[in-house]
Amino acid sequence: MTGTRAGDGATIAAVRRTIARRFREAGLDTPDLDARLIVGHVLGLDHAGLMRESGRPLGPRALAGIDALATRRLAGEPVARILGVKEFWGLSFAVTPAVLVPRPETETVVETALARLDAAGARERALRIADLGTGSGAILVALLHELPQTFGIGTDCSVAAIATARENAGRLGVAPRAAFVACDFGTALAGGVDLVVTNPPYIATAEIATLAREVRDFDPLGALDGGADGLAAWRAIVADARRLLAPGAFLVMEVGAGQADAVSALAGAAGLTAIAASPDLAGIPRVVSARYP
């Protein structure tokens, strides 16, 4: 037992407080939020429902279910993996062991891509976009929601990730405008793409052991490992960019902290222009974008 249970007949509010306290004592970053999400998931209640029924006592079955999930969280498993779902761009994405958990900083890719299209007056056109290393499909599906005339294709070397992305495209209503293929980045694509977006592996191999346990122990290694210097994926993607991009098209890439200059240099050496770095909400240069002249 983890000590997360407050006793049979304890109210929803009491159980939430007990779990939040245990999470706080364990040093988790968001103990109250994690407790709310876990309790709400087991009981099938949203935030308003939890507040409305806060005084309701819980029986042994509900308490056992809550305790089981709380134990997994105390072992370091991210809440999104426990619940199997994560919100991104206001949309609810299924998360499986084959894919990264969509992260808030990755929304900067979507924001930057839309800003570049807007500046070029291209948002209303019927565009062709490609998401290289699509994972859960979060970036691609978010863009298809914002660009209703657009068709997109997501690639990933993991067949299991492709299945997850296809599921998310279906459940979020963009499946008729989305296709998915298993390959390394853009190798199976013919080219002529108006927008390429990507969030590939970019962690240096030696740094993976130093990552937070939520990432190190639960994210798929293939979606993290960017080679000895973290730039292996960028070299492959940027080298292929001119073949993939139509004239005037954009390449928008998520990068790790401290990588923006190196990735920008790769883009410049490949003949791309209008290279810019965009910060995430923490002020870290998170996205490098460029254009095929």
Foldseek 3Di string as FASTA:
>chain_A
DQQLFPDAFAFLQVSLVSLLVSCVVLVHDCSNVLSQLLLCLLVVHDPVRCVVRRGGTHGPVSRVSSVVLSVVVSVPADSCASSQWDDDLNDIAGAYLAADHDDPQCVVLLVVQVVLCVVVVNLQPAFEEEEFQCQQVRSVLSNCVSRVNYAYEYEHQDPVSQVNNCVRCVVSPNNVRYYYDYDHGCPPPQAAGQEYEYEAAQAAPVCLVVDRCNCNVRHDPRRHHCYHHRCNSLLVCLLCVVRHHDAFHKYKYFHDAPCLVVSLVSNVVSPWDPWDFDAGPVRGRTMIMTTRD
